[in-house]
Amino acid sequence: MAACSVEEVLAKAEQEEAEKLKSITVQKELDLEFDIGNLLACDKNRVDSREFREQKKEEFLRSLARGNTQLLINEIWKHPTERVEEAIVVKLPDPATPLPREKPPPKPKAPTKWEQFAKLKGIQKKKKTNLVWDDVAKEWKRRWGYKRAKDDTKEWLIEVPETADPNEDQFQKRNNAKKERVAKNELNRLRNIARAQKIKVPGAGLTPTAQQSKSDLARAVSVARTSTASVGKFQDRLPKEKAPKNTGKKRRFEPLIGDFSSEKQKQLDLLKIIDSKKPRLDITKAVNKQMREDDREEAAARYKKGAGKKGRKGNFSGKGKGGKGGKGGKGKGGKAGKAGGGGQKRTKPGKR
């Protein structure tokens, strides 16, 4: 009995050791269908009913699951691997089997205006550490939030600037500035949400206040006047109303987001001009300039010619056309009086 018991113990130990060191190769009549993206393996081999009845159900199912899992792991390690820190991971492909789900998959979050600008300009987000050194406390503190480093809200004394009102409360001014920053951030967050949902974002309107200043009232009147269909062109002015300020044409800049083909073409044209050795000539502009210079020269020549003619009048004697016969000649230009000398005598106004 003792020998049998020892043999049974050794056989059992060998069986357990063999189970632990099973081979990674599994033989199947039909190959399994794998979907590595979903970590899925489909076994289409038929189940031997006789073997299923002879063995225990749990052991049969455990061995079947072990073999299929081994084949799935073998298939996974056939894909490319990479090292992440101290671990080796497998880059899984996209899943091929559509799995049903209760609700539709969430839509990707729409990027904010800053994210679009950063992506366009190639700005990459740099991760900052959560702890920074505080020179005042001489210890490491959080960068943001409660008990953060360089917390100016804990200061009990604030220096008044030279240009500030000495009677102004600097603590209240600091609190108001913080509230404005918080409100501005909240407004930008709501604008990003409205832009993502394609909702029309209202502009900065004129919110009513308890005490409106003169400039606020003037701005409100100007906005109300330009709110008509004619943009205030046919609106009458109020008595003693001054002309609105800052109503000229605003400068228009190129958009930061969108189609940049025109900007690209402008830059290429500029580089082409810089790179070319010959100066760029605008033919139309050059022709117009030459025509204007010719017109000026012709006008100057005509002016000089006319001035010379006026200066030569009366210098000739009675010779030539119109100078026949001296007094009262019948020639051209000599119908009235002397032709060569002073011509017709002038009389004072009122006397003839």
Protein backbone atom coordinates (compact mmCIF):
# COMPACT_ATOMS: atom_id res chain seq x y z
CA MET A 1 0.00 0.00 0.00
CA ALA A 2 2.85 2.32 0.86
CA ALA A 3 4.51 1.74 -2.54
CA CYS A 4 1.24 2.34 -4.37
CA SER A 5 0.64 5.53 -2.49
CA VAL A 6 4.12 6.80 -3.32
CA GLU A 7 3.67 5.95 -7.00
CA GLU A 8 0.31 7.71 -7.08
CA VAL A 9 1.77 10.80 -5.50
CA LEU A 10 4.61 10.90 -8.00
CA ALA A 11 2.25 10.38 -10.92
CA LYS A 12 0.00 13.13 -9.70
CA ALA A 13 2.96 15.48 -9.30
CA GLU A 14 4.17 14.67 -12.81
CA GLN A 15 0.69 15.32 -14.18
CA GLU A 16 0.48 18.69 -12.44
CA GLU A 17 3.94 19.64 -13.70
CA ALA A 18 2.96 18.63 -17.23
CA GLU A 19 -0.17 20.75 -17.04
CA LYS A 20 1.90 23.74 -15.97
CA LEU A 21 4.40 23.24 -18.80
CA LYS A 22 1.99 22.56 -21.63
CA SER A 23 3.17 23.31 -25.12
CA ILE A 24 2.21 26.60 -26.78
CA THR A 25 1.31 24.72 -29.99
CA VAL A 26 -2.30 23.57 -30.18
CA GLN A 27 -3.52 21.26 -32.92
CA LYS A 28 -6.93 21.99 -34.47
CA GLU A 29 -8.69 20.48 -37.46
CA LEU A 30 -9.92 23.90 -38.59
CA ASP A 31 -8.06 27.13 -38.01
CA LEU A 32 -9.71 29.66 -35.75
CA GLU A 33 -11.03 32.99 -37.04
CA PHE A 34 -9.43 35.90 -35.21
CA ASP A 35 -10.44 39.54 -34.69
CA ILE A 36 -7.42 40.89 -32.86
CA GLY A 37 -8.91 44.39 -32.59
CA ASN A 38 -11.64 43.00 -30.33
CA LEU A 39 -9.42 40.19 -28.88
CA LEU A 40 -11.91 37.72 -30.33
CA ALA A 41 -11.35 34.13 -31.51
CA CYS A 42 -14.09 31.99 -33.12
CA ASP A 43 -13.68 28.18 -32.94
CA LYS A 44 -15.74 26.37 -35.61
CA ASN A 45 -14.46 22.86 -34.78
CA ARG A 46 -17.15 20.40 -33.77
CA VAL A 47 -17.28 19.17 -30.17
CA ASP A 48 -16.75 15.45 -29.66
CA SER A 49 -19.82 14.38 -27.69
CA ARG A 50 -18.29 11.05 -26.60
CA GLU A 51 -15.23 12.74 -25.16
CA PHE A 52 -17.46 15.34 -23.55
CA ARG A 53 -19.49 12.61 -21.80
CA GLU A 54 -16.49 10.53 -20.73
CA GLN A 55 -14.56 13.43 -19.16
CA LYS A 56 -15.76 15.83 -16.57
CA LYS A 57 -17.53 18.83 -18.05
CA GLU A 58 -15.45 21.38 -16.18
CA GLU A 59 -12.13 19.80 -17.17
CA PHE A 60 -13.19 19.48 -20.82
CA LEU A 61 -14.34 23.11 -21.03
CA ARG A 62 -11.20 24.30 -19.20
CA SER A 63 -8.89 22.50 -21.61
CA LEU A 64 -10.85 23.76 -24.63
CA ALA A 65 -10.72 27.36 -23.35
CA ARG A 66 -7.01 27.00 -22.58
CA GLY A 67 -6.20 25.83 -26.11
CA ASN A 68 -8.22 28.59 -27.81
CA THR A 69 -6.70 31.25 -25.52
CA GLN A 70 -3.22 29.97 -26.36
CA LEU A 71 -3.97 30.27 -30.07
CA LEU A 72 -5.31 33.82 -29.56
CA ILE A 73 -2.18 34.87 -27.66
CA ASN A 74 0.03 33.35 -30.35
CA GLU A 75 -1.84 35.36 -32.99
CA ILE A 76 -1.54 38.57 -30.94
CA TRP A 77 2.25 38.35 -30.73
CA LYS A 78 2.49 38.12 -34.50
CA HIS A 79 1.66 41.83 -34.74
CA PRO A 80 4.27 44.61 -34.35
CA THR A 81 5.40 45.41 -30.83
CA GLU A 82 6.91 48.46 -29.19
CA ARG A 83 8.42 49.29 -25.81
CA VAL A 84 6.59 51.71 -23.53
CA GLU A 85 8.76 52.59 -20.53
CA GLU A 86 9.64 49.14 -19.12
CA ALA A 87 6.91 47.08 -20.81
CA ILE A 88 6.55 45.58 -24.29
CA VAL A 89 3.11 46.14 -25.81
CA VAL A 90 1.45 45.03 -29.04
CA LYS A 91 -0.11 47.54 -31.41
CA LEU A 92 -3.55 46.10 -32.14
CA PRO A 93 -5.24 46.68 -35.51
CA ASP A 94 -8.68 48.19 -35.94
CA PRO A 95 -11.55 45.89 -34.94
CA ALA A 96 -13.32 44.12 -37.81
CA THR A 97 -16.38 42.70 -36.03
CA PRO A 98 -19.10 45.30 -35.31
CA LEU A 99 -20.32 44.78 -31.77
CA PRO A 100 -23.83 45.87 -30.81
CA ARG A 101 -24.20 48.54 -28.18
CA GLU A 102 -27.12 50.01 -26.28
CA LYS A 103 -26.45 53.64 -27.24
CA PRO A 104 -24.72 55.23 -30.22
CA PRO A 105 -21.01 55.97 -29.78
CA PRO A 106 -20.23 59.44 -28.49
CA LYS A 107 -19.31 61.99 -31.11
CA PRO A 108 -15.82 63.48 -30.97
CA LYS A 109 -15.64 66.70 -29.02
CA ALA A 110 -15.49 69.74 -31.28
CA PRO A 111 -12.15 71.59 -30.97
CA THR A 112 -12.13 75.02 -29.43
CA LYS A 113 -10.98 78.12 -31.26
CA TRP A 114 -7.56 77.95 -29.60
CA GLU A 115 -7.18 74.25 -30.45
CA GLN A 116 -7.94 74.99 -34.11
CA PHE A 117 -5.39 77.83 -34.12
CA ALA A 118 -2.76 75.66 -32.38
CA LYS A 119 -3.29 72.84 -34.86
CA LEU A 120 -3.02 75.23 -37.79
CA LYS A 121 0.20 76.82 -36.54
CA GLY A 122 1.71 73.57 -35.28
CA ILE A 123 1.74 74.56 -31.61
CA GLN A 124 2.16 71.51 -29.40
CA LYS A 125 0.91 71.38 -25.86
CA LYS A 126 3.66 71.06 -23.30
CA LYS A 127 2.84 69.22 -20.11
CA LYS A 128 3.85 71.12 -16.98
CA THR A 129 4.72 69.62 -13.64
CA ASN A 130 2.20 69.94 -10.83
CA LEU A 131 4.78 71.09 -8.30
CA VAL A 132 6.88 74.26 -8.40
CA TRP A 133 9.36 75.75 -5.98
CA ASP A 134 8.06 78.56 -3.79
CA ASP A 135 10.87 80.97 -2.87
CA VAL A 136 8.89 82.53 -0.04
CA ALA A 137 7.88 79.31 1.76
CA LYS A 138 11.10 77.50 0.73
CA GLU A 139 9.24 74.33 -0.25
CA TRP A 140 7.56 72.61 -3.18
CA LYS A 141 3.94 73.58 -3.69
CA ARG A 142 1.20 73.03 -6.22
CA ARG A 143 1.15 75.12 -9.34
CA TRP A 144 -2.61 75.79 -9.18
CA GLY A 145 -5.46 75.51 -6.73
CA TYR A 146 -5.49 75.37 -2.96
CA LYS A 147 -2.17 76.06 -1.21
CA ARG A 148 -0.52 76.94 -4.52
CA ALA A 149 2.86 78.57 -4.87
CA LYS A 150 3.14 82.36 -5.15
CA ASP A 151 -0.42 82.90 -3.95
CA ASP A 152 -0.93 86.66 -4.01
CA THR A 153 -4.31 86.42 -2.27
CA LYS A 154 -2.55 85.71 1.03
CA GLU A 155 -0.65 88.98 1.04
CA TRP A 156 -1.63 91.30 3.88
CA LEU A 157 0.09 94.35 2.35
CA ILE A 158 -0.15 95.68 -1.22
CA GLU A 159 1.99 98.50 -2.54
CA VAL A 160 -0.01 101.32 -4.11
CA PRO A 161 1.30 102.21 -7.61
CA GLU A 162 2.38 105.77 -8.27
CA THR A 163 -0.22 106.29 -11.00
CA ALA A 164 -3.10 104.85 -8.95
CA ASP A 165 -5.53 106.70 -6.73
CA PRO A 166 -4.18 106.64 -3.16
CA ASN A 167 -7.71 106.29 -1.79
CA GLU A 168 -8.51 103.27 -3.96
CA ASP A 169 -8.85 99.89 -2.24
CA GLN A 170 -6.21 97.66 -3.84
CA PHE A 171 -7.61 94.49 -2.25
CA GLN A 172 -11.04 95.16 -3.74
CA LYS A 173 -9.42 95.99 -7.08
CA ARG A 174 -7.61 92.65 -7.06
CA ASN A 175 -10.81 90.76 -6.24
CA ASN A 176 -12.69 92.53 -9.01
CA ALA A 177 -9.96 91.69 -11.51
CA LYS A 178 -10.14 88.03 -10.53
CA LYS A 179 -13.93 88.00 -10.91
CA GLU A 180 -13.57 89.53 -14.37
CA ARG A 181 -11.07 86.85 -15.40
CA VAL A 182 -13.36 84.10 -14.16
CA ALA A 183 -16.33 85.62 -16.00
CA LYS A 184 -14.28 85.97 -19.19
CA ASN A 185 -13.20 82.33 -19.04
CA GLU A 186 -16.79 81.23 -18.49
CA LEU A 187 -17.95 83.33 -21.44
CA ASN A 188 -15.30 81.76 -23.67
CA ARG A 189 -16.34 78.30 -22.52
CA LEU A 190 -20.00 78.98 -23.36
CA ARG A 191 -18.99 80.40 -26.74
CA ASN A 192 -17.03 77.26 -27.54
CA ILE A 193 -20.06 75.13 -26.64
CA ALA A 194 -22.36 77.29 -28.79
CA ARG A 195 -19.90 77.15 -31.70
CA ALA A 196 -19.68 73.37 -31.41
CA GLN A 197 -23.47 73.07 -31.52
CA LYS A 198 -23.65 75.58 -34.42
CA ILE A 199 -25.65 78.09 -32.44
CA LYS A 200 -25.43 81.75 -33.33
CA VAL A 201 -23.31 83.48 -30.72
CA PRO A 202 -24.56 86.96 -29.82
CA GLY A 203 -22.07 89.79 -29.78
CA ALA A 204 -21.05 91.87 -26.82
CA GLY A 205 -24.31 93.67 -26.15
CA LEU A 206 -25.14 96.65 -23.99
CA THR A 207 -26.15 95.17 -20.67
CA PRO A 208 -28.18 97.52 -18.47
CA THR A 209 -26.43 98.80 -15.38
CA ALA A 210 -27.58 100.73 -12.35
CA GLN A 211 -25.70 103.90 -13.29
CA GLN A 212 -24.89 104.42 -16.95
CA SER A 213 -22.24 106.95 -17.85
CA LYS A 214 -22.41 109.48 -20.66
CA SER A 215 -20.26 107.32 -22.91
CA ASP A 216 -22.50 104.29 -22.29
CA LEU A 217 -25.61 106.28 -23.25
CA ALA A 218 -23.90 107.65 -26.37
CA ARG A 219 -22.87 104.16 -27.38
CA ALA A 220 -26.41 102.87 -26.81
CA VAL A 221 -27.84 105.64 -29.00
CA SER A 222 -25.29 104.88 -31.73
CA VAL A 223 -26.10 101.16 -31.66
CA ALA A 224 -29.85 101.86 -31.78
CA ARG A 225 -29.42 104.19 -34.74
CA THR A 226 -27.39 101.70 -36.77
CA SER A 227 -29.82 98.87 -36.04
CA THR A 228 -32.18 99.90 -38.84
CA ALA A 229 -32.30 98.44 -42.34
CA SER A 230 -30.45 101.45 -43.74
CA VAL A 231 -27.78 101.21 -41.01
CA GLY A 232 -28.77 104.63 -39.69
CA LYS A 233 -28.38 106.46 -43.01
CA PHE A 234 -31.82 108.12 -42.92
CA GLN A 235 -32.09 108.57 -39.16
CA ASP A 236 -32.46 112.10 -37.82
CA ARG A 237 -30.12 113.29 -35.12
CA LEU A 238 -31.27 114.37 -31.72
CA PRO A 239 -30.91 118.04 -30.74
CA LYS A 240 -27.40 118.87 -29.50
CA GLU A 241 -26.22 115.38 -30.38
CA LYS A 242 -22.56 115.04 -31.21
CA ALA A 243 -21.19 112.90 -33.99
CA PRO A 244 -20.38 109.37 -32.86
CA LYS A 245 -16.72 108.48 -32.38
CA ASN A 246 -14.85 105.50 -33.77
CA THR A 247 -17.30 104.92 -36.61
CA GLY A 248 -14.78 104.85 -39.43
CA LYS A 249 -13.89 101.88 -41.53
CA LYS A 250 -12.19 99.15 -39.57
CA ARG A 251 -9.09 97.42 -40.80
CA ARG A 252 -9.74 93.98 -42.19
CA PHE A 253 -7.21 91.26 -41.56
CA GLU A 254 -6.87 87.90 -43.17
CA PRO A 255 -8.66 85.11 -41.27
CA LEU A 256 -6.51 82.81 -39.12
CA ILE A 257 -8.61 79.74 -39.95
CA GLY A 258 -9.89 78.68 -43.36
CA ASP A 259 -8.63 78.70 -46.93
CA PHE A 260 -5.10 80.11 -47.22
CA SER A 261 -4.69 79.77 -50.98
CA SER A 262 -4.76 83.56 -51.50
CA GLU A 263 -2.19 84.14 -48.75
CA LYS A 264 0.01 81.41 -50.19
CA GLN A 265 -0.19 82.98 -53.66
CA LYS A 266 0.75 86.40 -52.25
CA GLN A 267 3.79 84.98 -50.49
CA LEU A 268 4.88 83.13 -53.63
CA ASP A 269 4.53 86.30 -55.72
CA LEU A 270 6.59 88.23 -53.19
CA LEU A 271 9.34 85.60 -53.21
CA LYS A 272 9.28 85.59 -57.01
CA ILE A 273 9.80 89.37 -57.07
CA ILE A 274 12.64 89.18 -54.54
CA ASP A 275 14.34 86.31 -56.34
CA SER A 276 14.12 87.87 -59.81
CA LYS A 277 17.10 90.01 -60.88
CA LYS A 278 15.12 92.17 -63.30
CA PRO A 279 12.95 94.89 -61.77
CA ARG A 280 9.25 94.32 -62.08
CA LEU A 281 7.64 96.73 -64.56
CA ASP A 282 3.97 97.67 -64.57
CA ILE A 283 3.34 98.38 -68.26
CA THR A 284 0.02 100.17 -67.74
CA LYS A 285 1.46 102.44 -65.07
CA ALA A 286 4.56 103.21 -67.17
CA VAL A 287 2.49 104.05 -70.28
CA ASN A 288 0.19 106.35 -68.30
CA LYS A 289 3.18 108.12 -66.77
CA GLN A 290 4.78 108.65 -70.18
CA MET A 291 1.53 109.99 -71.62
CA ARG A 292 1.21 112.48 -68.75
CA GLU A 293 4.77 113.68 -69.28
CA ASP A 294 4.13 114.14 -73.03
CA ASP A 295 0.98 116.13 -72.27
CA ARG A 296 2.92 118.38 -69.89
CA GLU A 297 5.64 119.02 -72.49
CA GLU A 298 3.07 119.87 -75.17
CA ALA A 299 1.23 122.20 -72.82
CA ALA A 300 4.48 123.92 -71.85
CA ALA A 301 5.44 124.32 -75.54
CA ARG A 302 2.07 125.81 -76.43
CA TYR A 303 2.30 128.19 -73.50
CA LYS A 304 5.73 129.42 -74.55
CA LYS A 305 4.61 129.86 -78.18
CA GLY A 306 1.54 131.84 -77.15
CA ALA A 307 3.58 134.07 -74.82
CA GLY A 308 6.01 134.85 -77.65
CA LYS A 309 3.19 135.86 -79.98
CA LYS A 310 1.70 138.18 -77.37
CA GLY A 311 5.05 139.84 -76.79
CA ARG A 312 5.64 140.54 -80.52
CA LYS A 313 2.38 142.49 -80.97
CA GLY A 314 2.98 146.23 -81.88
CA ASN A 315 6.69 145.85 -82.63
CA PHE A 316 6.24 145.74 -86.39
CA SER A 317 5.89 148.85 -88.63
CA GLY A 318 3.11 149.12 -91.20
CA LYS A 319 4.60 146.49 -93.49
CA GLY A 320 2.86 143.30 -94.37
CA LYS A 321 -0.75 142.29 -94.35
CA GLY A 322 -3.03 144.75 -92.74
CA GLY A 323 -0.40 147.52 -92.83
CA LYS A 324 -1.14 149.08 -96.19
CA GLY A 325 -1.80 152.80 -96.46
CA GLY A 326 -0.75 153.78 -92.96
CA LYS A 327 -3.85 155.51 -91.61
CA GLY A 328 -7.14 153.81 -92.32
CA GLY A 329 -5.63 151.12 -94.60
CA LYS A 330 -7.93 148.48 -96.01
CA GLY A 331 -5.69 145.53 -95.30
CA LYS A 332 -6.52 142.73 -92.85
CA GLY A 333 -6.21 143.89 -89.34
CA GLY A 334 -6.08 147.54 -90.42
CA LYS A 335 -9.76 148.32 -90.66
CA ALA A 336 -9.74 150.55 -87.68
CA GLY A 337 -7.08 153.25 -87.38
CA LYS A 338 -3.38 152.68 -87.52
CA ALA A 339 -2.09 149.23 -88.26
CA GLY A 340 1.48 149.47 -87.13
CA GLY A 341 1.75 151.78 -84.18
CA GLY A 342 -0.50 151.77 -81.21
CA GLY A 343 -3.66 150.69 -82.96
CA GLN A 344 -6.98 152.13 -81.86
CA LYS A 345 -6.88 154.78 -79.20
CA ARG A 346 -8.41 153.84 -75.85
CA THR A 347 -10.73 156.20 -74.09
CA LYS A 348 -11.41 156.49 -70.40
CA PRO A 349 -14.54 154.89 -69.14
CA GLY A 350 -17.52 157.19 -69.47
CA LYS A 351 -15.93 159.40 -72.16
CA ARG A 352 -16.19 158.89 -75.89
